[in-house]
Amino acid sequence: MSLSMLRGGLLAALCVAVPTLAVVPAQAADFATVYAAAQAAQKQAVDTFCAWNVTDNALAEAKALHEKGDEDGALKAAQHAQALAKVSMQQCEEQKTLWKQAVVR
């Protein structure tokens, strides 16, 4: 399997998985709790060298929306940031073994 095929498959999986990971309804979750969980997940991703910079952007968006008073938007952005952090760590775990298939022998 070529590296481009692996990347294409991973990208397709992420496009499907990321929007569906944030399943907590806005009414059932507290922004502060979700935002703290997203920050913790991103910190774990950073500490393991698996972080994506788009996660920081999503966290910043969530904070800005919260400061403007858009609680639903802020909550959704925080959930999205948390999902991104989790998926970045999943990708890192997958790449620990998948990279071997891309090495030219």
Protein backbone atom coordinates (compact mmCIF):
# COMPACT_ATOMS: atom_id res chain seq x y z
CA MET A 1 0.00 0.00 0.00
CA SER A 2 1.44 3.36 -0.97
CA LEU A 3 1.83 6.33 1.33
CA SER A 4 -0.63 8.38 -0.72
CA MET A 5 -3.23 5.62 -0.38
CA LEU A 6 -2.71 5.57 3.39
CA ARG A 7 -3.07 9.33 3.58
CA GLY A 8 -6.17 9.25 1.39
CA GLY A 9 -7.77 6.56 3.52
CA LEU A 10 -6.93 8.37 6.72
CA LEU A 11 -8.27 11.65 5.38
CA ALA A 12 -11.51 9.98 4.32
CA ALA A 13 -11.87 8.39 7.75
CA LEU A 14 -11.27 11.71 9.49
CA CYS A 15 -13.80 13.51 7.32
CA VAL A 16 -16.40 10.99 8.39
CA ALA A 17 -15.33 10.63 12.03
CA VAL A 18 -14.62 14.17 13.21
CA PRO A 19 -18.10 15.67 12.73
CA THR A 20 -19.74 12.65 14.37
CA LEU A 21 -17.53 12.50 17.46
CA ALA A 22 -19.21 15.46 19.14
CA VAL A 23 -22.43 13.73 20.16
CA VAL A 24 -23.26 15.49 23.44
CA PRO A 25 -26.36 17.65 22.95
CA ALA A 26 -25.89 21.34 23.73
CA GLN A 27 -28.53 21.24 26.47
CA ALA A 28 -26.89 18.34 28.31
CA ALA A 29 -23.36 19.64 28.53
CA ASP A 30 -21.76 22.52 30.36
CA PHE A 31 -19.35 24.66 28.34
CA ALA A 32 -16.75 24.89 31.09
CA THR A 33 -16.67 21.11 31.49
CA VAL A 34 -16.39 20.42 27.77
CA TYR A 35 -13.83 23.19 27.24
CA ALA A 36 -11.68 21.86 30.11
CA ALA A 37 -11.88 18.34 28.67
CA ALA A 38 -10.89 19.65 25.24
CA GLN A 39 -7.94 21.51 26.73
CA ALA A 40 -6.85 18.39 28.62
CA ALA A 41 -7.11 16.25 25.48
CA GLN A 42 -5.09 18.81 23.50
CA LYS A 43 -2.46 18.95 26.26
CA GLN A 44 -2.16 15.18 26.11
CA ALA A 45 -1.81 15.36 22.31
CA VAL A 46 0.88 18.04 22.63
CA ASP A 47 2.73 16.07 25.29
CA THR A 48 2.81 13.00 23.03
CA PHE A 49 3.77 15.02 19.92
CA CYS A 50 0.46 14.17 18.24
CA ALA A 51 -1.26 17.56 18.28
CA TRP A 52 -2.84 19.26 15.30
CA ASN A 53 -2.72 23.06 15.10
CA VAL A 54 -6.39 23.17 14.04
CA THR A 55 -7.31 22.00 17.53
CA ASP A 56 -5.83 25.18 18.99
CA ASN A 57 -7.85 27.17 16.46
CA ALA A 58 -11.05 25.40 17.52
CA LEU A 59 -10.28 26.07 21.20
CA ALA A 60 -9.71 29.74 20.44
CA GLU A 61 -12.98 29.89 18.51
CA ALA A 62 -14.84 28.26 21.42
CA LYS A 63 -13.40 30.77 23.87
CA ALA A 64 -14.24 33.72 21.61
CA LEU A 65 -17.82 32.53 21.12
CA HIS A 66 -18.21 32.01 24.86
CA GLU A 67 -16.96 35.53 25.55
CA LYS A 68 -19.49 36.90 23.05
CA GLY A 69 -22.29 35.04 24.83
CA ASP A 70 -22.97 32.46 22.11
CA GLU A 71 -23.19 29.48 24.46
CA ASP A 72 -24.46 26.97 21.88
CA GLY A 73 -21.79 27.94 19.37
CA ALA A 74 -19.11 27.90 22.04
CA LEU A 75 -20.18 24.47 23.24
CA LYS A 76 -20.18 23.06 19.71
CA ALA A 77 -16.73 24.52 19.02
CA ALA A 78 -15.38 23.07 22.28
CA GLN A 79 -16.83 19.66 21.41
CA HIS A 80 -15.24 19.91 17.98
CA ALA A 81 -11.87 20.81 19.53
CA GLN A 82 -12.10 17.84 21.86
CA ALA A 83 -12.93 15.54 18.95
CA LEU A 84 -9.98 16.89 16.96
CA ALA A 85 -7.60 16.28 19.86
CA LYS A 86 -8.84 12.72 20.29
CA VAL A 87 -8.58 11.95 16.57
CA SER A 88 -5.07 13.42 16.42
CA MET A 89 -4.02 10.98 19.13
CA GLN A 90 -5.73 8.12 17.30
CA GLN A 91 -3.83 9.03 14.14
CA CYS A 92 -0.57 9.06 16.08
CA GLU A 93 -1.25 5.57 17.45
CA GLU A 94 -2.11 4.27 13.97
CA GLN A 95 1.04 5.76 12.47
CA LYS A 96 3.21 3.90 14.97
CA THR A 97 2.64 0.78 12.87
CA LEU A 98 1.30 1.98 9.52
CA TRP A 99 4.45 3.89 8.58
CA LYS A 100 6.24 0.57 8.10
CA GLN A 101 4.00 -0.22 5.12
CA ALA A 102 5.10 2.99 3.38
CA VAL A 103 8.86 2.36 3.64
CA VAL A 104 10.42 1.58 0.27
CA ARG A 105 12.32 -1.71 0.43
